[in-house]
Amino acid sequence: MGGDFAPAAVVEGVLLAKEWIDANTRVVLYGHRDALAAEFDRLGGRIDDFEVVHCTEVIDMHDHPVKAVSTKTDSSITVGFQHLAQGKIDGYASAGNTGAMMAATMGMIKAVPGILRPGIAAYVPTGEKGYNLLLDVGLNSDCKPEVLVQYALLGSLYAQFIFGIEKPRVGLLNIGAEPEKGNLLTKQTHELMRASTDFNFIGNVEGGEVISNQRTDVIVCDGFVGNVVLKEAEALYVLTRERGIKDPVLDRFNFENYGGTPVLGVNAPVIIGHGISTGRAINQMIHQTANVIRTQLCDKFKRAFANG
């Protein structure tokens, strides 16, 4: 029931996902059954093809995140996260209230032991085929060097098992390529990342390289910087569309291609979608969630941080 175009966009996305999901994958919908049924009828689909958990409440974008999760106990977000915590489902995705999603994640799913702070990551396309996984992109505006080092490992594991890159290349976003460049945070982080053997650190990368370089697979930064970079990239895509510019490389910046932002460092798969998600974006969000589940990425996080 979450998102600016719900539940219509959600049902559209689910019907698109039906074209690729296999017998080992099931999609469970959390929301008001009558509202969902009306959209299935409108789009020529069958609600009975999916499992539906009827929820009578909705956490909207104006609700206080923490309060809403605790008071709207029959909302799709609260019930969905309860089921995730209980193991009734293997992953949860929503385009609903981001704050409520994070409040439920931290309150019910919790961080992997050893993780100082979970982060959220975003795909940033580079060239015609490549990607950079950028993290954090808004969860933690202020970070200590030790947190950024953990992000490097989380991002490296994600790139290895979701992107299929054997030895992902990790860069640190900075104002210069030289090790001595940057502020206190990036200087200290650079030293720690260079000394680590847990991932393949290639050094500092500058802002212009986020969308243009082919020498990294993961770029680490604090959430303040990452959020600014992500929104600038989204604005660039909107600008090209408004000016009637059509180019396959620029079209890769369309958020609908990726569907959502994974929360990295928590005990179960959680994917947060954009509030303006369309059916196409919802479909991709389901696909990404399924990939994280199939690769058992959260278990890999747990093993990687088991020894502190």
C-alpha atoms as a PDB file:
ATOM      1  CA  MET A   1       0.000   0.000   0.000  1.00  0.00           C
ATOM      2  CA  GLY A   2       3.068   2.242   0.036  1.00  0.00           C
ATOM      3  CA  GLY A   3       4.181   4.732  -2.589  1.00  0.00           C
ATOM      4  CA  ASP A   4       2.641   7.615  -4.478  1.00  0.00           C
ATOM      5  CA  PHE A   5       0.908   5.338  -6.999  1.00  0.00           C
ATOM      6  CA  ALA A   6      -0.089   2.467  -4.724  1.00  0.00           C
ATOM      7  CA  PRO A   7      -1.762   0.087  -4.923  1.00  0.00           C
ATOM      8  CA  ALA A   8      -2.015   0.368  -8.721  1.00  0.00           C
ATOM      9  CA  ALA A   9       1.748   0.451  -9.334  1.00  0.00           C
ATOM     10  CA  VAL A  10       2.330  -2.444  -6.947  1.00  0.00           C
ATOM     11  CA  VAL A  11      -0.168  -4.671  -8.743  1.00  0.00           C
ATOM     12  CA  GLU A  12       1.296  -3.679 -12.108  1.00  0.00           C
ATOM     13  CA  GLY A  13       4.760  -4.612 -10.867  1.00  0.00           C
ATOM     14  CA  VAL A  14       3.593  -7.915  -9.439  1.00  0.00           C
ATOM     15  CA  LEU A  15       1.958  -8.869 -12.742  1.00  0.00           C
ATOM     16  CA  LEU A  16       5.189  -8.030 -14.571  1.00  0.00           C
ATOM     17  CA  ALA A  17       7.120 -10.147 -12.085  1.00  0.00           C
ATOM     18  CA  LYS A  18       4.805 -13.065 -12.763  1.00  0.00           C
ATOM     19  CA  GLU A  19       6.464 -13.358 -16.175  1.00  0.00           C
ATOM     20  CA  TRP A  20       9.838 -14.332 -14.676  1.00  0.00           C
ATOM     21  CA  ILE A  21       9.236 -15.794 -11.215  1.00  0.00           C
ATOM     22  CA  ASP A  22       9.628 -19.558 -11.011  1.00  0.00           C
ATOM     23  CA  ALA A  23       8.075 -22.305  -8.919  1.00  0.00           C
ATOM     24  CA  ASN A  24      10.614 -21.695  -6.153  1.00  0.00           C
ATOM     25  CA  THR A  25       9.618 -18.044  -5.746  1.00  0.00           C
ATOM     26  CA  ARG A  26       6.409 -16.720  -4.219  1.00  0.00           C
ATOM     27  CA  VAL A  27       5.266 -13.126  -3.946  1.00  0.00           C
ATOM     28  CA  VAL A  28       3.277 -12.237  -0.837  1.00  0.00           C
ATOM     29  CA  LEU A  29       1.251  -9.025  -0.890  1.00  0.00           C
ATOM     30  CA  TYR A  30       0.547  -7.089   2.307  1.00  0.00           C
ATOM     31  CA  GLY A  31      -2.362  -4.681   2.039  1.00  0.00           C
ATOM     32  CA  HIS A  32      -6.099  -4.184   1.882  1.00  0.00           C
ATOM     33  CA  ARG A  33      -7.427  -7.147  -0.072  1.00  0.00           C
ATOM     34  CA  ASP A  34     -10.417  -5.309  -1.607  1.00  0.00           C
ATOM     35  CA  ALA A  35      -8.246  -2.457  -2.879  1.00  0.00           C
ATOM     36  CA  LEU A  36      -5.762  -4.921  -4.349  1.00  0.00           C
ATOM     37  CA  ALA A  37      -8.515  -7.040  -5.913  1.00  0.00           C
ATOM     38  CA  ALA A  38      -9.936  -3.984  -7.667  1.00  0.00           C
ATOM     39  CA  GLU A  39      -6.557  -3.277  -9.278  1.00  0.00           C
ATOM     40  CA  PHE A  40      -6.089  -6.883 -10.339  1.00  0.00           C
ATOM     41  CA  ASP A  41      -9.528  -6.801 -11.979  1.00  0.00           C
ATOM     42  CA  ARG A  42      -8.731  -3.523 -13.732  1.00  0.00           C
ATOM     43  CA  LEU A  43      -5.485  -4.910 -15.132  1.00  0.00           C
ATOM     44  CA  GLY A  44      -6.891  -8.285 -16.119  1.00  0.00           C
ATOM     45  CA  GLY A  45      -4.965 -10.248 -13.490  1.00  0.00           C
ATOM     46  CA  ARG A  46      -6.029 -12.717 -10.811  1.00  0.00           C
ATOM     47  CA  ILE A  47      -5.460 -11.865  -7.181  1.00  0.00           C
ATOM     48  CA  ASP A  48      -5.844 -15.548  -6.341  1.00  0.00           C
ATOM     49  CA  ASP A  49      -2.568 -16.236  -8.154  1.00  0.00           C
ATOM     50  CA  PHE A  50      -0.806 -14.591  -5.200  1.00  0.00           C
ATOM     51  CA  GLU A  51      -0.817 -14.896  -1.447  1.00  0.00           C
ATOM     52  CA  VAL A  52      -2.399 -11.850   0.171  1.00  0.00           C
ATOM     53  CA  VAL A  53      -2.103 -10.895   3.834  1.00  0.00           C
ATOM     54  CA  HIS A  54      -5.023  -8.570   4.528  1.00  0.00           C
ATOM     55  CA  CYS A  55      -3.975  -5.397   6.384  1.00  0.00           C
ATOM     56  CA  THR A  56      -6.451  -2.728   7.397  1.00  0.00           C
ATOM     57  CA  GLU A  57      -4.056   0.162   8.063  1.00  0.00           C
ATOM     58  CA  VAL A  58      -1.615   2.179   5.974  1.00  0.00           C
ATOM     59  CA  ILE A  59       1.447   4.140   7.100  1.00  0.00           C
ATOM     60  CA  ASP A  60       1.419   7.184   4.841  1.00  0.00           C
ATOM     61  CA  MET A  61       4.260   9.528   3.966  1.00  0.00           C
ATOM     62  CA  HIS A  62       3.224  12.081   6.619  1.00  0.00           C
ATOM     63  CA  ASP A  63       3.172   9.692   9.579  1.00  0.00           C
ATOM     64  CA  HIS A  64       5.918   9.798  12.204  1.00  0.00           C
ATOM     65  CA  PRO A  65       8.008   6.718  11.298  1.00  0.00           C
ATOM     66  CA  VAL A  66       8.726   5.201  14.708  1.00  0.00           C
ATOM     67  CA  LYS A  67       5.317   6.061  16.174  1.00  0.00           C
ATOM     68  CA  ALA A  68       3.467   4.721  13.124  1.00  0.00           C
ATOM     69  CA  VAL A  69       5.211   1.337  13.236  1.00  0.00           C
ATOM     70  CA  SER A  70       4.259   0.889  16.900  1.00  0.00           C
ATOM     71  CA  THR A  71       0.699   2.255  16.721  1.00  0.00           C
ATOM     72  CA  LYS A  72      -0.469   1.096  13.281  1.00  0.00           C
ATOM     73  CA  THR A  73      -0.037  -2.535  14.161  1.00  0.00           C
ATOM     74  CA  ASP A  74      -2.133  -3.781  11.242  1.00  0.00           C
ATOM     75  CA  SER A  75      -0.313  -1.774   8.580  1.00  0.00           C
ATOM     76  CA  SER A  76       1.375  -3.544   5.686  1.00  0.00           C
ATOM     77  CA  ILE A  77       4.824  -2.410   6.847  1.00  0.00           C
ATOM     78  CA  THR A  78       4.397  -3.500  10.461  1.00  0.00           C
ATOM     79  CA  VAL A  79       2.828  -6.861   9.633  1.00  0.00           C
ATOM     80  CA  GLY A  80       5.290  -7.509   6.810  1.00  0.00           C
ATOM     81  CA  PHE A  81       8.298  -6.910   9.035  1.00  0.00           C
ATOM     82  CA  GLN A  82       6.798  -9.081  11.760  1.00  0.00           C
ATOM     83  CA  HIS A  83       6.529 -11.911   9.255  1.00  0.00           C
ATOM     84  CA  LEU A  84      10.083 -11.306   8.068  1.00  0.00           C
ATOM     85  CA  ALA A  85      11.371 -11.433  11.646  1.00  0.00           C
ATOM     86  CA  GLN A  86       9.401 -14.642  12.232  1.00  0.00           C
ATOM     87  CA  GLY A  87      10.779 -16.281   9.092  1.00  0.00           C
ATOM     88  CA  LYS A  88       7.392 -16.488   7.363  1.00  0.00           C
ATOM     89  CA  ILE A  89       8.895 -14.647   4.388  1.00  0.00           C
ATOM     90  CA  ASP A  90      12.531 -14.438   3.248  1.00  0.00           C
ATOM     91  CA  GLY A  91      12.706 -10.780   2.207  1.00  0.00           C
ATOM     92  CA  TYR A  92      10.611  -7.622   2.334  1.00  0.00           C
ATOM     93  CA  ALA A  93      10.355  -4.767  -0.159  1.00  0.00           C
ATOM     94  CA  SER A  94       8.223  -1.628  -0.189  1.00  0.00           C
ATOM     95  CA  ALA A  95       7.988   1.806  -1.771  1.00  0.00           C
ATOM     96  CA  GLY A  96       6.277   3.110   1.356  1.00  0.00           C
ATOM     97  CA  ASN A  97       7.403   5.485   4.106  1.00  0.00           C
ATOM     98  CA  THR A  98      11.223   5.216   4.153  1.00  0.00           C
ATOM     99  CA  GLY A  99      11.508   6.263   7.773  1.00  0.00           C
ATOM    100  CA  ALA A 100       9.004   3.618   8.820  1.00  0.00           C
ATOM    101  CA  MET A 101      10.849   1.019   6.765  1.00  0.00           C
ATOM    102  CA  MET A 102      14.091   1.823   8.566  1.00  0.00           C
ATOM    103  CA  ALA A 103      12.402   1.995  11.970  1.00  0.00           C
ATOM    104  CA  ALA A 104      10.918  -1.467  11.407  1.00  0.00           C
ATOM    105  CA  THR A 105      14.222  -2.775  10.066  1.00  0.00           C
ATOM    106  CA  MET A 106      16.231  -1.636  13.065  1.00  0.00           C
ATOM    107  CA  GLY A 107      13.517  -2.492  15.582  1.00  0.00           C
ATOM    108  CA  MET A 108      12.566  -5.962  14.329  1.00  0.00           C
ATOM    109  CA  ILE A 109      15.290  -7.234  11.987  1.00  0.00           C
ATOM    110  CA  LYS A 110      18.290  -5.502  13.612  1.00  0.00           C
ATOM    111  CA  ALA A 111      21.883  -5.152  12.484  1.00  0.00           C
ATOM    112  CA  VAL A 112      24.162  -8.120  11.933  1.00  0.00           C
ATOM    113  CA  PRO A 113      26.305  -8.592  15.074  1.00  0.00           C
ATOM    114  CA  GLY A 114      29.548  -6.686  14.562  1.00  0.00           C
ATOM    115  CA  ILE A 115      28.034  -4.094  12.229  1.00  0.00           C
ATOM    116  CA  LEU A 116      28.405  -0.609  13.689  1.00  0.00           C
ATOM    117  CA  ARG A 117      25.783   0.956  11.421  1.00  0.00           C
ATOM    118  CA  PRO A 118      23.907  -0.568   8.480  1.00  0.00           C
ATOM    119  CA  GLY A 119      23.936   1.427   5.262  1.00  0.00           C
ATOM    120  CA  ILE A 120      21.842   1.826   2.149  1.00  0.00           C
ATOM    121  CA  ALA A 121      23.330   1.503  -1.304  1.00  0.00           C
ATOM    122  CA  ALA A 122      22.417   2.619  -4.808  1.00  0.00           C
ATOM    123  CA  TYR A 123      23.358   1.531  -8.315  1.00  0.00           C
ATOM    124  CA  VAL A 124      25.131   4.241 -10.314  1.00  0.00           C
ATOM    125  CA  PRO A 125      25.597   3.298 -13.990  1.00  0.00           C
ATOM    126  CA  THR A 126      28.960   3.808 -15.658  1.00  0.00           C
ATOM    127  CA  GLY A 127      29.193   3.725 -19.428  1.00  0.00           C
ATOM    128  CA  GLU A 128      27.079   1.299 -21.423  1.00  0.00           C
ATOM    129  CA  LYS A 129      27.158  -1.710 -19.113  1.00  0.00           C
ATOM    130  CA  GLY A 130      28.979  -1.145 -15.837  1.00  0.00           C
ATOM    131  CA  TYR A 131      27.819  -0.085 -12.394  1.00  0.00           C
ATOM    132  CA  ASN A 132      29.229   1.437  -9.270  1.00  0.00           C
ATOM    133  CA  LEU A 133      27.572   0.468  -6.026  1.00  0.00           C
ATOM    134  CA  LEU A 134      27.531   3.676  -3.985  1.00  0.00           C
ATOM    135  CA  LEU A 135      27.121   3.564  -0.211  1.00  0.00           C
ATOM    136  CA  ASP A 136      25.990   5.051   2.047  1.00  0.00           C
ATOM    137  CA  VAL A 137      23.386   7.140   0.208  1.00  0.00           C
ATOM    138  CA  GLY A 138      21.488   8.678   3.091  1.00  0.00           C
ATOM    139  CA  LEU A 139      21.089   6.485   6.136  1.00  0.00           C
ATOM    140  CA  ASN A 140      24.072   7.855   8.092  1.00  0.00           C
ATOM    141  CA  SER A 141      24.970  11.479   7.438  1.00  0.00           C
ATOM    142  CA  ASP A 142      27.817  11.435   9.951  1.00  0.00           C
ATOM    143  CA  CYS A 143      30.175   8.464   9.958  1.00  0.00           C
ATOM    144  CA  LYS A 144      33.334   7.416  11.707  1.00  0.00           C
ATOM    145  CA  PRO A 145      36.188   5.918   9.667  1.00  0.00           C
ATOM    146  CA  GLU A 146      35.465   2.461  11.089  1.00  0.00           C
ATOM    147  CA  VAL A 147      31.913   2.636   9.718  1.00  0.00           C
ATOM    148  CA  LEU A 148      33.134   3.494   6.220  1.00  0.00           C
ATOM    149  CA  VAL A 149      35.570   0.590   6.320  1.00  0.00           C
ATOM    150  CA  GLN A 150      32.667  -1.711   7.115  1.00  0.00           C
ATOM    151  CA  TYR A 151      30.732  -0.214   4.205  1.00  0.00           C
ATOM    152  CA  ALA A 152      33.640  -1.167   1.963  1.00  0.00           C
ATOM    153  CA  LEU A 153      33.316  -4.804   2.998  1.00  0.00           C
ATOM    154  CA  LEU A 154      29.515  -4.796   2.756  1.00  0.00           C
ATOM    155  CA  GLY A 155      29.660  -3.248  -0.705  1.00  0.00           C
ATOM    156  CA  SER A 156      32.370  -5.649  -1.813  1.00  0.00           C
ATOM    157  CA  LEU A 157      30.297  -8.665  -0.765  1.00  0.00           C
ATOM    158  CA  TYR A 158      27.227  -7.258  -2.522  1.00  0.00           C
ATOM    159  CA  ALA A 159      29.165  -6.651  -5.747  1.00  0.00           C
ATOM    160  CA  GLN A 160      30.707 -10.103  -5.557  1.00  0.00           C
ATOM    161  CA  PHE A 161      27.487 -12.059  -5.134  1.00  0.00           C
ATOM    162  CA  ILE A 162      24.879  -9.826  -6.824  1.00  0.00           C
ATOM    163  CA  PHE A 163      26.990  -8.353  -9.642  1.00  0.00           C
ATOM    164  CA  GLY A 164      28.997 -11.572 -10.000  1.00  0.00           C
ATOM    165  CA  ILE A 165      32.396  -9.825  -9.775  1.00  0.00           C
ATOM    166  CA  GLU A 166      35.050 -12.139  -8.360  1.00  0.00           C
ATOM    167  CA  LYS A 167      37.225  -9.434  -6.808  1.00  0.00           C
ATOM    168  CA  PRO A 168      35.305  -6.133  -6.651  1.00  0.00           C
ATOM    169  CA  ARG A 169      37.361  -2.950  -6.762  1.00  0.00           C
ATOM    170  CA  VAL A 170      36.565  -0.576  -3.901  1.00  0.00           C
ATOM    171  CA  GLY A 171      37.242   3.162  -4.014  1.00  0.00           C
ATOM    172  CA  LEU A 172      36.863   5.944  -1.457  1.00  0.00           C
ATOM    173  CA  LEU A 173      35.064   9.072  -2.665  1.00  0.00           C
ATOM    174  CA  ASN A 174      37.327  12.080  -2.099  1.00  0.00           C
ATOM    175  CA  ILE A 175      38.341  15.460  -3.509  1.00  0.00           C
ATOM    176  CA  GLY A 176      41.570  14.112  -4.960  1.00  0.00           C
ATOM    177  CA  ALA A 177      43.227  10.848  -5.898  1.00  0.00           C
ATOM    178  CA  GLU A 178      46.273  11.375  -3.654  1.00  0.00           C
ATOM    179  CA  PRO A 179      46.180   9.591  -0.272  1.00  0.00           C
ATOM    180  CA  GLU A 180      46.823  12.806   1.639  1.00  0.00           C
ATOM    181  CA  LYS A 181      43.808  14.613   0.109  1.00  0.00           C
ATOM    182  CA  GLY A 182      40.486  15.137   1.835  1.00  0.00           C
ATOM    183  CA  ASN A 183      39.086  15.999   5.242  1.00  0.00           C
ATOM    184  CA  LEU A 184      39.829  14.284   8.533  1.00  0.00           C
ATOM    185  CA  LEU A 185      37.252  11.572   7.877  1.00  0.00           C
ATOM    186  CA  THR A 186      38.519  10.559   4.444  1.00  0.00           C
ATOM    187  CA  LYS A 187      42.184  10.762   5.449  1.00  0.00           C
ATOM    188  CA  GLN A 188      41.680   8.450   8.409  1.00  0.00           C
ATOM    189  CA  THR A 189      39.421   6.166   6.402  1.00  0.00           C
ATOM    190  CA  HIS A 190      41.985   5.920   3.624  1.00  0.00           C
ATOM    191  CA  GLU A 191      44.613   4.687   6.070  1.00  0.00           C
ATOM    192  CA  LEU A 192      42.297   2.029   7.486  1.00  0.00           C
ATOM    193  CA  MET A 193      41.076   0.871   4.075  1.00  0.00           C
ATOM    194  CA  ARG A 194      44.600   0.681   2.703  1.00  0.00           C
ATOM    195  CA  ALA A 195      45.620  -1.524   5.645  1.00  0.00           C
ATOM    196  CA  SER A 196      42.645  -3.879   5.304  1.00  0.00           C
ATOM    197  CA  THR A 197      42.898  -7.274   3.610  1.00  0.00           C
ATOM    198  CA  ASP A 198      39.131  -7.839   3.621  1.00  0.00           C
ATOM    199  CA  PHE A 199      38.519  -6.159   0.255  1.00  0.00           C
ATOM    200  CA  ASN A 200      40.309  -4.895  -2.851  1.00  0.00           C
ATOM    201  CA  PHE A 201      40.943  -1.200  -2.135  1.00  0.00           C
ATOM    202  CA  ILE A 202      42.121   0.770  -5.172  1.00  0.00           C
ATOM    203  CA  GLY A 203      42.404   4.200  -3.494  1.00  0.00           C
ATOM    204  CA  ASN A 204      40.600   7.510  -3.712  1.00  0.00           C
ATOM    205  CA  VAL A 205      38.208   8.411  -6.526  1.00  0.00           C
ATOM    206  CA  GLU A 206      36.968  11.885  -7.372  1.00  0.00           C
ATOM    207  CA  GLY A 207      33.358  12.969  -7.828  1.00  0.00           C
ATOM    208  CA  GLY A 208      33.523  13.000 -11.598  1.00  0.00           C
ATOM    209  CA  GLU A 209      34.557   9.366 -11.606  1.00  0.00           C
ATOM    210  CA  VAL A 210      31.385   8.142  -9.920  1.00  0.00           C
ATOM    211  CA  ILE A 211      29.548   8.018 -13.255  1.00  0.00           C
ATOM    212  CA  SER A 212      32.457   7.885 -15.667  1.00  0.00           C
ATOM    213  CA  ASN A 213      35.237   5.634 -14.401  1.00  0.00           C
ATOM    214  CA  GLN A 214      35.668   1.968 -15.215  1.00  0.00           C
ATOM    215  CA  ARG A 215      38.159   1.214 -12.446  1.00  0.00           C
ATOM    216  CA  THR A 216      35.820   0.712  -9.477  1.00  0.00           C
ATOM    217  CA  ASP A 217      32.819  -1.472  -8.673  1.00  0.00           C
ATOM    218  CA  VAL A 218      32.090  -0.039  -5.216  1.00  0.00           C
ATOM    219  CA  ILE A 219      32.476   3.553  -4.010  1.00  0.00           C
ATOM    220  CA  VAL A 220      32.295   4.369  -0.309  1.00  0.00           C
ATOM    221  CA  CYS A 221      31.248   7.667   1.271  1.00  0.00           C
ATOM    222  CA  ASP A 222      29.181   8.959   4.170  1.00  0.00           C
ATOM    223  CA  GLY A 223      25.419   9.243   3.766  1.00  0.00           C
ATOM    224  CA  PHE A 224      25.414  13.024   3.435  1.00  0.00           C
ATOM    225  CA  VAL A 225      27.724  13.000   0.424  1.00  0.00           C
ATOM    226  CA  GLY A 226      26.184   9.867  -1.060  1.00  0.00           C
ATOM    227  CA  ASN A 227      22.668  11.268  -0.953  1.00  0.00           C
ATOM    228  CA  VAL A 228      23.769  14.468  -2.707  1.00  0.00           C
ATOM    229  CA  VAL A 229      25.518  12.453  -5.437  1.00  0.00           C
ATOM    230  CA  LEU A 230      22.516  10.171  -5.935  1.00  0.00           C
ATOM    231  CA  LYS A 231      20.027  13.021  -6.227  1.00  0.00           C
ATOM    232  CA  GLU A 232      22.269  14.891  -8.642  1.00  0.00           C
ATOM    233  CA  ALA A 233      22.397  11.766 -10.830  1.00  0.00           C
ATOM    234  CA  GLU A 234      18.597  11.465 -10.706  1.00  0.00           C
ATOM    235  CA  ALA A 235      18.226  15.150 -11.572  1.00  0.00           C
ATOM    236  CA  LEU A 236      20.558  14.715 -14.543  1.00  0.00           C
ATOM    237  CA  TYR A 237      18.308  12.005 -15.929  1.00  0.00           C
ATOM    238  CA  VAL A 238      15.170  14.120 -15.441  1.00  0.00           C
ATOM    239  CA  LEU A 239      16.852  17.055 -17.179  1.00  0.00           C
ATOM    240  CA  THR A 240      17.748  14.973 -20.236  1.00  0.00           C
ATOM    241  CA  ARG A 241      14.190  13.656 -20.477  1.00  0.00           C
ATOM    242  CA  GLU A 242      12.704  17.147 -20.186  1.00  0.00           C
ATOM    243  CA  ARG A 243      14.933  18.322 -23.020  1.00  0.00           C
ATOM    244  CA  GLY A 244      13.937  15.421 -25.232  1.00  0.00           C
ATOM    245  CA  ILE A 245      17.393  13.832 -25.175  1.00  0.00           C
ATOM    246  CA  LYS A 246      17.282  10.095 -25.755  1.00  0.00           C
ATOM    247  CA  ASP A 247      20.491   8.171 -25.298  1.00  0.00           C
ATOM    248  CA  PRO A 248      20.937   4.575 -24.117  1.00  0.00           C
ATOM    249  CA  VAL A 249      23.726   5.513 -21.695  1.00  0.00           C
ATOM    250  CA  LEU A 250      21.722   8.342 -20.122  1.00  0.00           C
ATOM    251  CA  ASP A 251      18.629   6.136 -19.989  1.00  0.00           C
ATOM    252  CA  ARG A 252      20.530   3.872 -17.603  1.00  0.00           C
ATOM    253  CA  PHE A 253      20.125   6.586 -14.947  1.00  0.00           C
ATOM    254  CA  ASN A 254      16.373   5.929 -14.800  1.00  0.00           C
ATOM    255  CA  PHE A 255      15.725   4.649 -11.249  1.00  0.00           C
ATOM    256  CA  GLU A 256      13.021   2.340 -12.636  1.00  0.00           C
ATOM    257  CA  ASN A 257      15.798   0.094 -13.944  1.00  0.00           C
ATOM    258  CA  TYR A 258      16.881  -0.784 -10.394  1.00  0.00           C
ATOM    259  CA  GLY A 259      13.712  -0.618  -8.345  1.00  0.00           C
ATOM    260  CA  GLY A 260      15.053  -0.029  -4.877  1.00  0.00           C
ATOM    261  CA  THR A 261      17.830   0.522  -2.408  1.00  0.00           C
ATOM    262  CA  PRO A 262      19.140  -2.460  -0.430  1.00  0.00           C
ATOM    263  CA  VAL A 263      19.751  -2.084   3.287  1.00  0.00           C
ATOM    264  CA  LEU A 264      23.156  -3.662   3.854  1.00  0.00           C
ATOM    265  CA  GLY A 265      24.258  -5.061   7.187  1.00  0.00           C
ATOM    266  CA  VAL A 266      20.939  -6.277   8.628  1.00  0.00           C
ATOM    267  CA  ASN A 267      19.844  -9.824   9.418  1.00  0.00           C
ATOM    268  CA  ALA A 268      17.343 -10.269   6.558  1.00  0.00           C
ATOM    269  CA  PRO A 269      16.856  -8.830   3.052  1.00  0.00           C
ATOM    270  CA  VAL A 270      15.140  -5.433   3.044  1.00  0.00           C
ATOM    271  CA  ILE A 271      14.744  -3.347  -0.124  1.00  0.00           C
ATOM    272  CA  ILE A 272      13.462   0.234   0.047  1.00  0.00           C
ATOM    273  CA  GLY A 273      11.772   1.518  -3.094  1.00  0.00           C
ATOM    274  CA  HIS A 274      11.405   5.078  -4.358  1.00  0.00           C
ATOM    275  CA  GLY A 275       8.163   6.773  -3.326  1.00  0.00           C
ATOM    276  CA  ILE A 276       7.347   7.522  -6.981  1.00  0.00           C
ATOM    277  CA  SER A 277       7.846   3.907  -8.033  1.00  0.00           C
ATOM    278  CA  THR A 278       5.929   2.771 -11.104  1.00  0.00           C
ATOM    279  CA  GLY A 279       4.982  -0.776 -11.987  1.00  0.00           C
ATOM    280  CA  ARG A 280       8.276  -1.183 -13.814  1.00  0.00           C
ATOM    281  CA  ALA A 281      10.213  -0.090 -10.722  1.00  0.00           C
ATOM    282  CA  ILE A 282       8.208  -2.419  -8.474  1.00  0.00           C
ATOM    283  CA  ASN A 283       9.008  -5.325 -10.794  1.00  0.00           C
ATOM    284  CA  GLN A 284      12.719  -4.552 -10.575  1.00  0.00           C
ATOM    285  CA  MET A 285      12.465  -4.185  -6.798  1.00  0.00           C
ATOM    286  CA  ILE A 286      10.971  -7.679  -6.560  1.00  0.00           C
ATOM    287  CA  HIS A 287      13.717  -9.000  -8.831  1.00  0.00           C
ATOM    288  CA  GLN A 288      16.446  -7.436  -6.710  1.00  0.00           C
ATOM    289  CA  THR A 289      14.910  -8.793  -3.517  1.00  0.00           C
ATOM    290  CA  ALA A 290      14.761 -12.279  -5.005  1.00  0.00           C
ATOM    291  CA  ASN A 291      18.438 -12.078  -5.996  1.00  0.00           C
ATOM    292  CA  VAL A 292      19.495 -11.054  -2.492  1.00  0.00           C
ATOM    293  CA  ILE A 293      17.497 -13.958  -1.062  1.00  0.00           C
ATOM    294  CA  ARG A 294      18.805 -16.544  -3.539  1.00  0.00           C
ATOM    295  CA  THR A 295      22.444 -15.599  -2.990  1.00  0.00           C
ATOM    296  CA  GLN A 296      21.978 -15.771   0.802  1.00  0.00           C
ATOM    297  CA  LEU A 297      23.744 -12.424   1.007  1.00  0.00           C
ATOM    298  CA  CYS A 298      22.718 -11.717   4.600  1.00  0.00           C
ATOM    299  CA  ASP A 299      24.251 -15.015   5.727  1.00  0.00           C
ATOM    300  CA  LYS A 300      27.470 -13.987   4.008  1.00  0.00           C
ATOM    301  CA  PHE A 301      27.400 -10.701   5.930  1.00  0.00           C
ATOM    302  CA  LYS A 302      26.973 -12.626   9.175  1.00  0.00           C
ATOM    303  CA  ARG A 303      29.943 -14.881   8.436  1.00  0.00           C
ATOM    304  CA  ALA A 304      32.144 -11.970   7.364  1.00  0.00           C
ATOM    305  CA  PHE A 305      31.522 -10.094  10.627  1.00  0.00           C
ATOM    306  CA  ALA A 306      31.315 -13.115  12.934  1.00  0.00           C
ATOM    307  CA  ASN A 307      34.814 -12.522  14.260  1.00  0.00           C
ATOM    308  CA  GLY A 308      34.412  -8.789  14.730  1.00  0.00           C
END
